[in-house]
C-alpha atoms as a PDB file:
ATOM      1  CA  UNK A   1      23.494   3.827  31.434  1.00  0.00           C
ATOM      2  CA  UNK A   2      21.280   3.843  28.378  1.00  0.00           C
ATOM      3  CA  UNK A   3      18.961   6.721  28.083  1.00  0.00           C
ATOM      4  CA  UNK A   4      15.195   6.287  28.313  1.00  0.00           C
ATOM      5  CA  UNK A   5      13.806   6.070  24.793  1.00  0.00           C
ATOM      6  CA  UNK A   6      10.231   6.905  23.904  1.00  0.00           C
ATOM      7  CA  UNK A   7       8.539   5.973  20.580  1.00  0.00           C
ATOM      8  CA  UNK A   8       6.606   9.202  20.557  1.00  0.00           C
ATOM      9  CA  UNK A   9       5.009  10.433  17.302  1.00  0.00           C
ATOM     10  CA  UNK A  10       6.970  13.759  17.295  1.00  0.00           C
ATOM     11  CA  UNK A  11       9.117  14.712  14.317  1.00  0.00           C
ATOM     12  CA  UNK A  12       7.499  12.072  12.105  1.00  0.00           C
ATOM     13  CA  UNK A  13       8.889  11.657   8.705  1.00  0.00           C
ATOM     14  CA  UNK A  14       6.836  11.595   5.668  1.00  0.00           C
ATOM     15  CA  UNK A  15       6.978   7.749   5.564  1.00  0.00           C
ATOM     16  CA  UNK A  16       5.705   7.598   9.219  1.00  0.00           C
ATOM     17  CA  UNK A  17       2.806   9.864   8.384  1.00  0.00           C
ATOM     18  CA  UNK A  18       1.868   7.820   5.469  1.00  0.00           C
ATOM     19  CA  UNK A  19       1.959   4.520   7.605  1.00  0.00           C
ATOM     20  CA  UNK A  20      -0.217   6.181  10.193  1.00  0.00           C
ATOM     21  CA  UNK A  21      -2.694   7.338   7.634  1.00  0.00           C
ATOM     22  CA  UNK A  22      -2.912   3.848   6.229  1.00  0.00           C
ATOM     23  CA  UNK A  23      -3.127   2.007   9.545  1.00  0.00           C
ATOM     24  CA  UNK A  24      -4.931   4.463  12.067  1.00  0.00           C
ATOM     25  CA  UNK A  25      -5.445   1.591  14.485  1.00  0.00           C
ATOM     26  CA  UNK A  26      -1.776   1.128  15.015  1.00  0.00           C
ATOM     27  CA  UNK A  27       0.451   3.019  17.547  1.00  0.00           C
ATOM     28  CA  UNK A  28       1.837   5.961  15.610  1.00  0.00           C
ATOM     29  CA  UNK A  29       5.023   5.912  17.839  1.00  0.00           C
ATOM     30  CA  UNK A  30       5.649   2.317  16.699  1.00  0.00           C
ATOM     31  CA  UNK A  31       5.145   3.235  13.054  1.00  0.00           C
ATOM     32  CA  UNK A  32       7.393   6.136  13.422  1.00  0.00           C
ATOM     33  CA  UNK A  33      10.203   3.815  14.695  1.00  0.00           C
ATOM     34  CA  UNK A  34       9.444   1.389  11.797  1.00  0.00           C
ATOM     35  CA  UNK A  35       9.688   4.296   9.354  1.00  0.00           C
ATOM     36  CA  UNK A  36      12.971   5.297  10.889  1.00  0.00           C
ATOM     37  CA  UNK A  37      14.483   1.947  10.667  1.00  0.00           C
ATOM     38  CA  UNK A  38      13.529   1.376   7.164  1.00  0.00           C
ATOM     39  CA  UNK A  39      14.789   4.848   5.989  1.00  0.00           C
ATOM     40  CA  UNK A  40      18.078   3.851   7.484  1.00  0.00           C
ATOM     41  CA  UNK A  41      18.275   0.328   6.008  1.00  0.00           C
ATOM     42  CA  UNK A  42      16.638   0.778   2.696  1.00  0.00           C
ATOM     43  CA  UNK A  43      14.825   3.981   1.692  1.00  0.00           C
ATOM     44  CA  UNK A  44      13.789   2.395  -1.694  1.00  0.00           C
ATOM     45  CA  UNK A  45      11.965  -0.635  -0.109  1.00  0.00           C
ATOM     46  CA  UNK A  46       8.620  -1.592  -1.690  1.00  0.00           C
ATOM     47  CA  UNK A  47       7.016  -3.444   1.273  1.00  0.00           C
ATOM     48  CA  UNK A  48       7.193  -3.211   5.044  1.00  0.00           C
ATOM     49  CA  UNK A  49       5.595  -5.388   7.662  1.00  0.00           C
ATOM     50  CA  UNK A  50       5.305  -4.134  11.259  1.00  0.00           C
ATOM     51  CA  UNK A  51       4.531  -6.237  14.245  1.00  0.00           C
ATOM     52  CA  UNK A  52       3.728  -4.524  17.591  1.00  0.00           C
ATOM     53  CA  UNK A  53       4.392  -7.172  20.309  1.00  0.00           C
ATOM     54  CA  UNK A  54       3.308  -4.746  22.987  1.00  0.00           C
ATOM     55  CA  UNK A  55      -0.158  -5.649  22.066  1.00  0.00           C
ATOM     56  CA  UNK A  56      -1.933  -8.898  23.245  1.00  0.00           C
ATOM     57  CA  UNK A  57      -1.989 -11.792  21.008  1.00  0.00           C
ATOM     58  CA  UNK A  58      -5.864 -11.606  20.858  1.00  0.00           C
ATOM     59  CA  UNK A  59      -5.600  -8.229  18.908  1.00  0.00           C
ATOM     60  CA  UNK A  60      -4.474  -7.884  15.173  1.00  0.00           C
ATOM     61  CA  UNK A  61      -0.922  -6.581  15.659  1.00  0.00           C
ATOM     62  CA  UNK A  62       0.692  -7.239  12.267  1.00  0.00           C
ATOM     63  CA  UNK A  63       0.410  -4.698   9.481  1.00  0.00           C
ATOM     64  CA  UNK A  64       1.746  -5.132   5.924  1.00  0.00           C
ATOM     65  CA  UNK A  65       2.177  -2.033   3.801  1.00  0.00           C
ATOM     66  CA  UNK A  66       2.682  -1.546   0.120  1.00  0.00           C
ATOM     67  CA  UNK A  67       4.930   1.488   0.050  1.00  0.00           C
ATOM     68  CA  UNK A  68       4.817   2.036  -3.697  1.00  0.00           C
ATOM     69  CA  UNK A  69       0.988   1.997  -4.025  1.00  0.00           C
ATOM     70  CA  UNK A  70       0.518   3.621  -0.528  1.00  0.00           C
ATOM     71  CA  UNK A  71      -1.806   0.939   0.760  1.00  0.00           C
ATOM     72  CA  UNK A  72      -2.302  -1.353   3.609  1.00  0.00           C
ATOM     73  CA  UNK A  73      -2.405  -4.923   2.369  1.00  0.00           C
ATOM     74  CA  UNK A  74      -2.908  -6.903   5.557  1.00  0.00           C
ATOM     75  CA  UNK A  75      -3.895  -6.371   9.215  1.00  0.00           C
ATOM     76  CA  UNK A  76      -3.603  -9.651  10.949  1.00  0.00           C
ATOM     77  CA  UNK A  77      -3.242 -11.781  14.087  1.00  0.00           C
ATOM     78  CA  UNK A  78       0.344 -12.999  14.622  1.00  0.00           C
ATOM     79  CA  UNK A  79       1.791 -15.383  17.299  1.00  0.00           C
ATOM     80  CA  UNK A  80       4.752 -14.979  19.454  1.00  0.00           C
ATOM     81  CA  UNK A  81       7.161 -17.573  20.993  1.00  0.00           C
ATOM     82  CA  UNK A  82       6.177 -19.878  23.898  1.00  0.00           C
ATOM     83  CA  UNK A  83       9.003 -18.608  25.964  1.00  0.00           C
ATOM     84  CA  UNK A  84       8.054 -14.862  25.373  1.00  0.00           C
ATOM     85  CA  UNK A  85       4.864 -14.933  27.383  1.00  0.00           C
ATOM     86  CA  UNK A  86       1.139 -16.099  27.550  1.00  0.00           C
ATOM     87  CA  UNK A  87      -1.325 -13.736  26.011  1.00  0.00           C
ATOM     88  CA  UNK A  88       1.155 -10.798  26.537  1.00  0.00           C
ATOM     89  CA  UNK A  89       4.749 -11.116  25.239  1.00  0.00           C
ATOM     90  CA  UNK A  90       7.147  -9.816  27.848  1.00  0.00           C
ATOM     91  CA  UNK A  91      10.502 -11.558  27.036  1.00  0.00           C
ATOM     92  CA  UNK A  92      12.512 -11.637  23.942  1.00  0.00           C
ATOM     93  CA  UNK A  93      15.854 -13.420  22.893  1.00  0.00           C
ATOM     94  CA  UNK A  94      18.355 -13.983  20.157  1.00  0.00           C
ATOM     95  CA  UNK A  95      19.328 -17.368  21.784  1.00  0.00           C
ATOM     96  CA  UNK A  96      18.761 -20.765  20.010  1.00  0.00           C
ATOM     97  CA  UNK A  97      16.289 -22.971  21.733  1.00  0.00           C
ATOM     98  CA  UNK A  98      14.926 -20.235  23.846  1.00  0.00           C
ATOM     99  CA  UNK A  99      11.595 -20.409  22.075  1.00  0.00           C
ATOM    100  CA  UNK A 100      11.255 -16.655  22.323  1.00  0.00           C
ATOM    101  CA  UNK A 101      10.434 -14.171  19.681  1.00  0.00           C
ATOM    102  CA  UNK A 102      13.006 -11.511  18.562  1.00  0.00           C
ATOM    103  CA  UNK A 103      12.491  -7.917  18.131  1.00  0.00           C
ATOM    104  CA  UNK A 104      14.165  -5.297  15.636  1.00  0.00           C
ATOM    105  CA  UNK A 105      14.577  -5.085  11.917  1.00  0.00           C
ATOM    106  CA  UNK A 106      14.583  -8.118   9.690  1.00  0.00           C
ATOM    107  CA  UNK A 107      15.268  -8.425   5.917  1.00  0.00           C
ATOM    108  CA  UNK A 108      12.893 -10.928   4.248  1.00  0.00           C
ATOM    109  CA  UNK A 109      14.558 -13.808   2.113  1.00  0.00           C
ATOM    110  CA  UNK A 110      13.079 -16.545   0.102  1.00  0.00           C
ATOM    111  CA  UNK A 111       9.902 -18.594   0.653  1.00  0.00           C
ATOM    112  CA  UNK A 112       9.870 -22.375   0.792  1.00  0.00           C
ATOM    113  CA  UNK A 113       7.797 -25.378   1.585  1.00  0.00           C
ATOM    114  CA  UNK A 114       8.794 -26.691   5.008  1.00  0.00           C
ATOM    115  CA  UNK A 115       7.510 -28.708   7.950  1.00  0.00           C
ATOM    116  CA  UNK A 116       5.127 -25.764   8.816  1.00  0.00           C
ATOM    117  CA  UNK A 117       3.969 -25.470   5.240  1.00  0.00           C
ATOM    118  CA  UNK A 118       4.667 -22.518   3.115  1.00  0.00           C
ATOM    119  CA  UNK A 119       7.132 -20.353   4.984  1.00  0.00           C
ATOM    120  CA  UNK A 120       9.344 -17.247   4.719  1.00  0.00           C
ATOM    121  CA  UNK A 121      13.023 -17.083   5.864  1.00  0.00           C
ATOM    122  CA  UNK A 122      14.102 -13.940   7.777  1.00  0.00           C
ATOM    123  CA  UNK A 123      17.524 -12.428   8.257  1.00  0.00           C
ATOM    124  CA  UNK A 124      17.904 -10.433  11.444  1.00  0.00           C
ATOM    125  CA  UNK A 125      19.878  -7.171  10.914  1.00  0.00           C
ATOM    126  CA  UNK A 126      20.593  -6.191  14.485  1.00  0.00           C
ATOM    127  CA  UNK A 127      23.776  -7.718  16.095  1.00  0.00           C
ATOM    128  CA  UNK A 128      22.949  -9.380  19.390  1.00  0.00           C
ATOM    129  CA  UNK A 129      19.292  -8.613  19.084  1.00  0.00           C
ATOM    130  CA  UNK A 130      18.003 -10.725  16.187  1.00  0.00           C
ATOM    131  CA  UNK A 131      21.068 -11.703  14.035  1.00  0.00           C
ATOM    132  CA  UNK A 132      20.591 -15.384  14.837  1.00  0.00           C
ATOM    133  CA  UNK A 133      17.195 -15.519  13.500  1.00  0.00           C
ATOM    134  CA  UNK A 134      18.331 -17.536  10.404  1.00  0.00           C
ATOM    135  CA  UNK A 135      20.261 -19.896  12.599  1.00  0.00           C
ATOM    136  CA  UNK A 136      17.233 -20.340  14.927  1.00  0.00           C
ATOM    137  CA  UNK A 137      15.101 -21.100  11.912  1.00  0.00           C
ATOM    138  CA  UNK A 138      12.847 -18.052  12.881  1.00  0.00           C
ATOM    139  CA  UNK A 139      10.587 -17.960   9.909  1.00  0.00           C
ATOM    140  CA  UNK A 140       6.985 -16.658   9.042  1.00  0.00           C
ATOM    141  CA  UNK A 141       4.452 -19.429   8.410  1.00  0.00           C
ATOM    142  CA  UNK A 142       0.827 -20.293   8.858  1.00  0.00           C
ATOM    143  CA  UNK A 143      -0.461 -22.086  11.895  1.00  0.00           C
ATOM    144  CA  UNK A 144      -3.831 -23.637  13.063  1.00  0.00           C
ATOM    145  CA  UNK A 145      -3.383 -22.028  16.489  1.00  0.00           C
ATOM    146  CA  UNK A 146      -3.610 -18.544  14.934  1.00  0.00           C
ATOM    147  CA  UNK A 147      -7.378 -18.031  14.601  1.00  0.00           C
ATOM    148  CA  UNK A 148     -10.334 -16.364  16.272  1.00  0.00           C
ATOM    149  CA  UNK A 149     -11.612 -19.818  16.985  1.00  0.00           C
ATOM    150  CA  UNK A 150      -8.517 -20.699  19.016  1.00  0.00           C
ATOM    151  CA  UNK A 151      -8.836 -17.396  20.887  1.00  0.00           C
ATOM    152  CA  UNK A 152     -12.472 -18.171  21.738  1.00  0.00           C
ATOM    153  CA  UNK A 153     -11.382 -21.544  23.052  1.00  0.00           C
ATOM    154  CA  UNK A 154      -8.183 -20.771  24.908  1.00  0.00           C
ATOM    155  CA  UNK A 155      -8.317 -16.974  25.497  1.00  0.00           C
ATOM    156  CA  UNK A 156      -5.232 -16.302  23.449  1.00  0.00           C
ATOM    157  CA  UNK A 157      -3.371 -17.408  20.351  1.00  0.00           C
ATOM    158  CA  UNK A 158      -1.341 -20.445  20.418  1.00  0.00           C
ATOM    159  CA  UNK A 159       2.414 -19.893  20.579  1.00  0.00           C
ATOM    160  CA  UNK A 160       5.371 -20.925  18.259  1.00  0.00           C
ATOM    161  CA  UNK A 161       8.981 -21.630  18.908  1.00  0.00           C
ATOM    162  CA  UNK A 162       9.626 -18.027  18.241  1.00  0.00           C
ATOM    163  CA  UNK A 163       8.249 -17.668  14.739  1.00  0.00           C
ATOM    164  CA  UNK A 164       5.723 -15.004  13.830  1.00  0.00           C
ATOM    165  CA  UNK A 165       2.957 -17.412  12.739  1.00  0.00           C
ATOM    166  CA  UNK A 166      -0.212 -16.129  10.937  1.00  0.00           C
ATOM    167  CA  UNK A 167      -3.510 -17.537  10.008  1.00  0.00           C
ATOM    168  CA  UNK A 168      -3.301 -20.546   7.535  1.00  0.00           C
ATOM    169  CA  UNK A 169      -5.792 -18.747   5.169  1.00  0.00           C
ATOM    170  CA  UNK A 170      -3.382 -15.824   4.636  1.00  0.00           C
ATOM    171  CA  UNK A 171       0.005 -17.354   5.040  1.00  0.00           C
ATOM    172  CA  UNK A 172       0.774 -17.723   1.260  1.00  0.00           C
ATOM    173  CA  UNK A 173      -0.574 -14.322  -0.031  1.00  0.00           C
ATOM    174  CA  UNK A 174       0.902 -12.540   3.021  1.00  0.00           C
ATOM    175  CA  UNK A 175       4.364 -14.160   2.530  1.00  0.00           C
ATOM    176  CA  UNK A 176       4.328 -13.617  -1.193  1.00  0.00           C
ATOM    177  CA  UNK A 177       3.706  -9.909  -0.456  1.00  0.00           C
ATOM    178  CA  UNK A 178       6.869  -9.364   1.539  1.00  0.00           C
ATOM    179  CA  UNK A 179       9.372 -12.058   0.365  1.00  0.00           C
ATOM    180  CA  UNK A 180      12.672 -11.379  -1.425  1.00  0.00           C
ATOM    181  CA  UNK A 181      14.475  -8.487   0.179  1.00  0.00           C
ATOM    182  CA  UNK A 182      11.610  -6.615   1.769  1.00  0.00           C
ATOM    183  CA  UNK A 183      11.475  -5.726   5.496  1.00  0.00           C
ATOM    184  CA  UNK A 184       9.913  -6.784   8.855  1.00  0.00           C
ATOM    185  CA  UNK A 185      10.030  -4.512  11.891  1.00  0.00           C
ATOM    186  CA  UNK A 186       8.929  -6.065  15.266  1.00  0.00           C
ATOM    187  CA  UNK A 187       8.506  -3.815  18.291  1.00  0.00           C
ATOM    188  CA  UNK A 188       8.524  -4.110  21.997  1.00  0.00           C
ATOM    189  CA  UNK A 189       9.488  -1.267  24.430  1.00  0.00           C
ATOM    190  CA  UNK A 190      12.822  -2.726  25.291  1.00  0.00           C
ATOM    191  CA  UNK A 191      14.783   0.363  26.410  1.00  0.00           C
ATOM    192  CA  UNK A 192      18.187  -1.136  25.763  1.00  0.00           C
ATOM    193  CA  UNK A 193      17.278  -2.018  22.148  1.00  0.00           C
ATOM    194  CA  UNK A 194      15.533   1.321  21.575  1.00  0.00           C
ATOM    195  CA  UNK A 195      18.514   3.299  22.705  1.00  0.00           C
ATOM    196  CA  UNK A 196      21.206   1.407  21.155  1.00  0.00           C
ATOM    197  CA  UNK A 197      19.810   0.190  17.732  1.00  0.00           C
ATOM    198  CA  UNK A 198      21.780   1.614  14.883  1.00  0.00           C
ATOM    199  CA  UNK A 199      18.607   1.560  12.630  1.00  0.00           C
ATOM    200  CA  UNK A 200      16.792   3.866  15.120  1.00  0.00           C
ATOM    201  CA  UNK A 201      19.648   6.313  15.422  1.00  0.00           C
ATOM    202  CA  UNK A 202      20.793   6.393  11.864  1.00  0.00           C
ATOM    203  CA  UNK A 203      22.886   9.616  11.143  1.00  0.00           C
ATOM    204  CA  UNK A 204      21.479   9.896   7.630  1.00  0.00           C
ATOM    205  CA  UNK A 205      17.840   9.310   8.491  1.00  0.00           C
ATOM    206  CA  UNK A 206      15.454  12.159   7.721  1.00  0.00           C
ATOM    207  CA  UNK A 207      13.751  11.718  10.919  1.00  0.00           C
ATOM    208  CA  UNK A 208      17.074  12.016  12.666  1.00  0.00           C
ATOM    209  CA  UNK A 209      18.171  15.098  10.745  1.00  0.00           C
ATOM    210  CA  UNK A 210      14.833  16.678  11.648  1.00  0.00           C
ATOM    211  CA  UNK A 211      15.527  16.232  15.330  1.00  0.00           C
ATOM    212  CA  UNK A 212      19.011  17.729  15.258  1.00  0.00           C
END
């Protein structure tokens, strides 16, 4: 049986402390996990985006960090999939046509002009968790249903087919800030993923070494 895993802020590596300083509104435990995953995957990464899907869609739950300049670039609203829930996302999937969002660590690929406008391809790095993202066409893009006006009218953001959609006004600069071999970490307190993800228990991670 998988052990219970808590994203507590204990034993924070330097990167996690930096993220918490730049985004004090974010859950420090989630930022700790994001830092741990990034240190395992690519300690030299320049940019990191973090989505906390444990928050409602009515709250800003996407943060984009410039790690080289040590600054927060964006704090934004972001949608989840139709199959994941209403205002609160509660279900996640790696299955095509599920219309659910996926959690875990992604590497960003190229930007392109598609049916949803300017978009960003994503490669899921976690087998069985999000590694079908490219096949499912899970991409970041702008959407009219991601806005404060939509929240005021409906009581939540609109929902995608699983894509992390953002406000139209920020889609291009946000995508440009993280495209081409940068990283996106999406969080939800799924105990099986938290306890089994190789990126969260990387043997060479500084945070992992600090816990031994």
